[in-house]
Protein backbone atom coordinates (compact mmCIF):
# COMPACT_ATOMS: atom_id res chain seq x y z
CA MET A 1 4.68 1.53 -23.15
CA GLN A 2 5.23 4.13 -20.63
CA LYS A 3 3.09 4.09 -17.51
CA THR A 4 2.51 6.77 -14.73
CA ILE A 5 2.70 5.22 -11.30
CA LEU A 6 2.37 6.25 -7.99
CA VAL A 7 4.58 4.80 -5.08
CA THR A 8 3.93 5.60 -1.24
CA GLY A 9 6.28 5.18 0.95
CA ALA A 10 9.28 5.84 -1.57
CA THR A 11 12.03 6.93 0.45
CA ASP A 12 13.58 3.75 1.68
CA GLY A 13 13.37 0.07 1.88
CA ILE A 14 11.06 -1.69 -0.79
CA GLY A 15 9.60 1.51 -1.94
CA LEU A 16 12.86 3.12 -2.99
CA GLU A 17 13.89 -0.25 -4.57
CA THR A 18 10.69 -0.34 -6.51
CA VAL A 19 11.15 3.30 -7.66
CA LYS A 20 14.55 2.32 -9.07
CA MET A 21 13.30 -0.55 -10.96
CA LEU A 22 10.53 1.29 -12.12
CA ALA A 23 12.73 4.25 -13.11
CA GLU A 24 15.24 1.66 -15.00
CA GLN A 25 12.05 0.85 -17.20
CA ASP A 26 11.43 4.73 -18.11
CA HIS A 27 8.09 4.97 -16.33
CA SER A 28 6.75 8.23 -15.31
CA LEU A 29 6.83 8.40 -11.66
CA ILE A 30 4.86 10.17 -8.64
CA ILE A 31 6.84 9.44 -5.36
CA HIS A 32 5.22 10.13 -2.12
CA GLY A 33 6.99 10.55 1.47
CA ARG A 34 6.42 11.99 4.65
CA ASN A 35 9.85 13.71 4.96
CA PRO A 36 10.33 16.44 2.46
CA THR A 37 14.01 16.50 2.39
CA LYS A 38 14.33 12.91 2.01
CA LEU A 39 11.78 12.83 -0.81
CA GLU A 40 13.70 15.54 -2.64
CA ALA A 41 16.64 13.70 -2.34
CA VAL A 42 15.22 10.60 -4.03
CA ALA A 43 13.69 12.58 -6.51
CA LYS A 44 17.07 14.14 -7.35
CA MET A 45 18.70 10.74 -7.61
CA VAL A 46 16.12 9.37 -9.97
CA ILE A 47 16.52 12.40 -12.14
CA ASP A 48 20.41 12.48 -12.14
CA ASN A 49 20.46 8.67 -12.62
CA TYR A 50 17.71 7.65 -14.92
CA GLY A 51 16.60 11.08 -16.71
CA ILE A 52 13.08 10.29 -16.00
CA ASP A 53 9.90 12.32 -15.20
CA VAL A 54 9.32 12.11 -11.64
CA ALA A 55 6.88 14.20 -9.16
CA THR A 56 6.77 14.41 -5.41
CA ILE A 57 3.77 14.83 -3.14
CA VAL A 58 4.45 14.93 0.95
CA ALA A 59 1.88 13.70 3.08
CA ASP A 60 1.46 11.95 6.63
CA LEU A 61 -0.63 8.82 5.98
CA SER A 62 -1.08 8.61 9.68
CA SER A 63 -3.47 11.44 9.43
CA ILE A 64 -7.02 10.96 7.87
CA HIS A 65 -7.27 14.35 6.99
CA ALA A 66 -3.83 14.76 5.44
CA THR A 67 -4.30 11.36 3.29
CA GLN A 68 -7.60 13.00 1.95
CA ALA A 69 -5.63 16.03 1.21
CA MET A 70 -3.10 14.11 -0.76
CA VAL A 71 -6.03 12.66 -2.90
CA ALA A 72 -7.17 15.85 -3.89
CA GLU A 73 -3.80 17.36 -4.87
CA ILE A 74 -3.15 14.23 -7.00
CA LYS A 75 -6.48 14.64 -8.53
CA GLN A 76 -5.64 18.49 -9.35
CA ARG A 77 -2.22 17.83 -10.41
CA PHE A 78 -2.51 14.52 -12.51
CA PRO A 79 -5.20 13.86 -15.40
CA VAL A 80 -4.27 10.10 -15.09
CA ILE A 81 -2.51 7.36 -12.90
CA ASP A 82 -2.05 3.97 -14.50
CA VAL A 83 -0.76 2.26 -11.19
CA LEU A 84 -0.88 3.15 -7.51
CA ILE A 85 1.35 1.02 -5.33
CA ASN A 86 0.55 1.27 -1.76
CA ASN A 87 3.58 0.57 -0.15
CA ALA A 88 3.93 2.73 2.63
CA GLY A 89 3.85 0.99 6.21
CA VAL A 90 4.44 0.97 9.88
CA PHE A 91 5.51 -1.76 12.20
CA ALA A 92 6.91 -0.05 15.51
CA ALA A 93 6.80 3.63 16.44
CA SER A 94 7.61 5.82 19.32
CA GLU A 95 4.00 7.15 19.76
CA THR A 96 1.48 4.31 18.57
CA THR A 97 -1.47 6.64 18.75
CA THR A 98 -2.30 9.08 16.16
CA ALA A 99 -4.07 12.54 16.37
CA ASP A 100 -7.14 11.05 15.05
CA ASN A 101 -6.89 8.52 18.36
CA LEU A 102 -6.12 5.28 15.97
CA ASP A 103 -3.47 3.01 16.20
CA VAL A 104 -0.97 4.23 14.01
CA ARG A 105 -0.53 0.71 12.42
CA PHE A 106 -4.22 0.64 11.36
CA ALA A 107 -3.81 4.54 10.28
CA VAL A 108 -1.03 3.91 7.72
CA ASN A 109 -1.35 0.15 7.08
CA THR A 110 -5.01 -0.21 6.45
CA ILE A 111 -7.05 3.24 6.42
CA ALA A 112 -4.57 5.36 4.44
CA PRO A 113 -4.19 2.88 1.28
CA TYR A 114 -8.02 2.35 1.24
CA ILE A 115 -8.77 6.52 1.03
CA LEU A 116 -6.13 6.54 -1.48
CA THR A 117 -7.53 3.64 -3.58
CA LYS A 118 -11.19 4.72 -3.22
CA GLY A 119 -10.28 8.37 -3.85
CA LEU A 120 -8.19 7.65 -6.92
CA LEU A 121 -9.91 4.77 -8.66
CA ALA A 122 -12.00 6.91 -11.13
CA LEU A 123 -8.46 8.60 -11.76
CA ILE A 124 -6.93 5.05 -12.68
CA ALA A 125 -6.82 3.94 -16.42
CA ASP A 126 -9.28 1.46 -17.48
CA ASP A 127 -6.42 -1.12 -17.57
CA GLY A 128 -4.94 0.19 -14.49
CA ARG A 129 -3.91 -1.53 -11.19
CA VAL A 130 -3.71 -0.88 -7.33
CA VAL A 131 -0.98 -2.92 -5.64
CA ASN A 132 -1.31 -3.40 -2.05
CA LEU A 133 1.73 -4.44 0.00
CA SER A 134 0.47 -6.95 2.40
CA SER A 135 2.41 -9.42 4.70
CA ALA A 136 2.47 -13.23 5.77
CA ALA A 137 1.58 -11.85 9.15
CA GLN A 138 -2.04 -11.78 9.12
CA ALA A 139 -4.06 -12.10 12.33
CA SER A 140 -8.07 -11.60 12.92
CA VAL A 141 -8.85 -8.09 13.14
CA GLU A 142 -10.43 -6.86 16.62
CA VAL A 143 -12.46 -3.94 15.72
CA SER A 144 -12.27 -2.25 19.10
CA ALA A 145 -8.35 -2.09 17.90
CA LEU A 146 -9.10 -0.75 14.36
CA LYS A 147 -11.40 2.02 16.08
CA GLY A 148 -8.46 2.73 18.40
CA ASN A 149 -10.34 1.59 21.40
CA LYS A 150 -7.70 -1.20 22.27
CA SER A 151 -4.07 -1.18 22.62
CA LEU A 152 -2.10 -3.94 20.86
CA ALA A 153 1.52 -5.18 20.88
CA ASP A 154 3.42 -3.92 17.69
CA GLY A 155 3.59 -7.50 16.25
CA GLN A 156 -0.37 -8.03 16.69
CA ALA A 157 -1.42 -4.46 15.52
CA TYR A 158 0.68 -5.13 12.36
CA ALA A 159 -0.55 -8.46 11.64
CA GLN A 160 -4.20 -7.23 12.12
CA SER A 161 -3.62 -4.09 9.96
CA LYS A 162 -2.38 -6.12 7.14
CA LEU A 163 -5.04 -8.83 7.13
CA ALA A 164 -7.42 -5.68 7.24
CA LEU A 165 -5.73 -4.36 4.20
CA THR A 166 -5.93 -7.73 2.50
CA MET A 167 -9.50 -8.03 3.53
CA TRP A 168 -10.69 -5.03 1.65
CA SER A 169 -8.50 -5.61 -1.24
CA HIS A 170 -10.14 -8.66 -2.01
CA ALA A 171 -13.42 -7.20 -1.46
CA LEU A 172 -12.77 -4.26 -3.49
CA GLY A 173 -11.02 -6.23 -6.51
CA LEU A 174 -13.99 -8.62 -6.63
CA ALA A 175 -16.31 -6.06 -6.97
CA GLU A 176 -14.21 -4.11 -9.63
CA SER A 177 -14.15 -7.64 -11.48
CA GLN A 178 -17.48 -8.35 -11.03
CA LYS A 179 -18.86 -5.23 -12.66
CA GLY A 180 -16.55 -6.03 -15.82
CA SER A 181 -13.79 -3.38 -14.95
CA ASN A 182 -10.26 -4.26 -16.36
CA LYS A 183 -8.92 -2.35 -13.43
CA VAL A 184 -7.11 -4.79 -10.88
CA ILE A 185 -6.79 -4.60 -7.26
CA VAL A 186 -4.37 -6.99 -5.72
CA SER A 187 -2.57 -7.50 -2.42
CA VAL A 188 0.89 -8.86 -2.30
CA ASN A 189 3.02 -10.29 0.46
CA PRO A 190 6.51 -9.28 -1.12
CA LYS A 191 8.29 -11.80 0.81
CA SER A 192 8.78 -12.44 4.67
CA LEU A 193 11.66 -10.75 6.45
CA LEU A 194 13.52 -8.59 3.76
CA GLY A 195 16.11 -6.33 4.64
CA SER A 196 13.99 -3.06 5.14
CA LYS A 197 14.52 -0.84 8.01
CA MET A 198 11.27 -2.15 9.68
CA VAL A 199 12.58 -5.58 9.50
CA LYS A 200 15.69 -4.46 11.14
CA THR A 201 13.97 -2.65 13.89
CA ALA A 202 11.34 -5.35 14.46
CA TYR A 203 13.44 -8.44 14.49
CA GLY A 204 17.15 -7.12 14.81
CA ILE A 205 18.16 -8.99 11.83
CA ALA A 206 19.77 -7.86 8.35
CA GLY A 207 17.13 -9.36 6.32
CA GLY A 208 16.93 -10.61 2.91
CA ASP A 209 17.43 -8.76 -0.57
CA LEU A 210 15.01 -5.98 -0.91
CA SER A 211 15.23 -6.34 -4.67
CA VAL A 212 13.15 -9.46 -4.21
CA GLY A 213 10.40 -7.55 -2.65
CA ALA A 214 10.64 -4.66 -5.26
CA ASP A 215 10.67 -7.14 -8.21
CA ILE A 216 7.14 -8.90 -7.41
CA LEU A 217 5.72 -5.34 -6.99
CA VAL A 218 6.81 -4.05 -10.45
CA ARG A 219 5.53 -7.38 -11.68
CA ALA A 220 2.04 -6.90 -9.84
CA ALA A 221 2.15 -3.49 -11.29
CA LEU A 222 2.94 -4.39 -15.09
CA ALA A 223 3.20 -8.02 -15.94
CA ASP A 224 0.51 -9.68 -17.77
CA GLU A 225 0.32 -12.53 -15.13
CA PHE A 226 -1.72 -10.19 -12.95
CA LEU A 227 -4.21 -9.07 -15.89
CA THR A 228 -6.99 -10.95 -14.00
CA ALA A 229 -5.76 -10.88 -10.52
CA SER A 230 -8.09 -8.40 -9.00
CA GLY A 231 -9.19 -9.52 -5.66
CA GLN A 232 -6.37 -12.10 -5.39
CA TYR A 233 -3.36 -12.18 -3.09
CA PHE A 234 0.12 -13.24 -4.11
CA ASP A 235 2.18 -14.80 -1.73
CA ASN A 236 5.80 -14.23 -2.74
CA ASP A 237 6.76 -16.57 -0.01
CA ILE A 238 5.92 -19.41 -2.49
CA GLY A 239 6.00 -17.21 -5.69
CA ALA A 240 2.43 -18.01 -6.35
CA PHE A 241 -1.22 -16.84 -5.81
CA ALA A 242 -2.41 -18.33 -2.57
CA SER A 243 -5.54 -18.27 -0.17
CA PRO A 244 -4.84 -15.48 2.54
CA HIS A 245 -6.18 -15.64 6.01
CA PRO A 246 -9.68 -17.35 5.91
CA ASP A 247 -11.26 -14.13 7.18
CA ALA A 248 -10.21 -12.25 3.96
CA LEU A 249 -12.30 -14.37 2.08
CA ASP A 250 -15.27 -14.01 4.39
CA SER A 251 -17.67 -11.71 2.80
CA SER A 252 -19.62 -10.73 6.16
CA ARG A 253 -16.14 -10.13 8.03
CA ALA A 254 -15.05 -7.83 5.04
CA ALA A 255 -18.21 -5.88 4.92
CA GLU A 256 -18.12 -5.28 8.65
CA LEU A 257 -14.56 -4.07 8.26
CA ILE A 258 -15.54 -1.82 5.41
CA LYS A 259 -18.35 -0.45 7.01
CA THR A 260 -16.11 0.46 10.02
CA ILE A 261 -13.32 2.22 8.27
CA ASN A 262 -15.86 4.23 6.35
CA GLU A 263 -17.34 5.42 9.74
CA LEU A 264 -14.06 6.33 11.17
CA ILE A 265 -13.15 8.29 7.78
CA ILE A 266 -16.59 10.20 8.12
CA LEU A 267 -15.87 10.70 11.85
CA GLN A 268 -12.54 12.71 11.24
């Protein structure tokens, strides 16, 4: 059955490979990118090679306002979405502070997918899914860093932002399942050190086959093995559902994190 699937960060890396895999299965795609030229090139490639429906949406996910505008545009353009894949992410950047005075890793890796998930959840089909790209790199979140009041090294900022994503994914996913919803919110480590631009920049290595990461995102989006996975964490380093960092299972820490994110969104 054809699904309508939104993929963020679709112009390179795991996002692009995921788009190709979904296109091969004839799904209708909404692809997001920050660079209009790159995004249109990917859209043309998909149309030329696969002959499927593809729509594009441009947004800078480091901006809270731009992310909120993206939500509004999607609601206006599309009556329903079956799957949201929050793939876009940042490890290192020449400028780490955003226009909202936040660390760009928290802005893109944590806050933007939260805004998209919360904003689009009502648009997602009753049996739809939200797949959040997590990481094996997870470190306890310093609230001062999340608020933009403390600078962190690239690795620490990335690890904290990915744990923050995993924490709210667990909390929101459990909330959905507990109210009897069939919607699934799941976080996925696609596999460590895959050959993305991020890994090459961060570690100076070629990395592994990107299709490994794309394959698990496609499975999380569509496969029956994820039907009851809401709130869970899938670790593709071991190829199974697993326990995330202990903080992700701490309801009080998760509540504090979500409260802080909501306050940051309101302040902007």
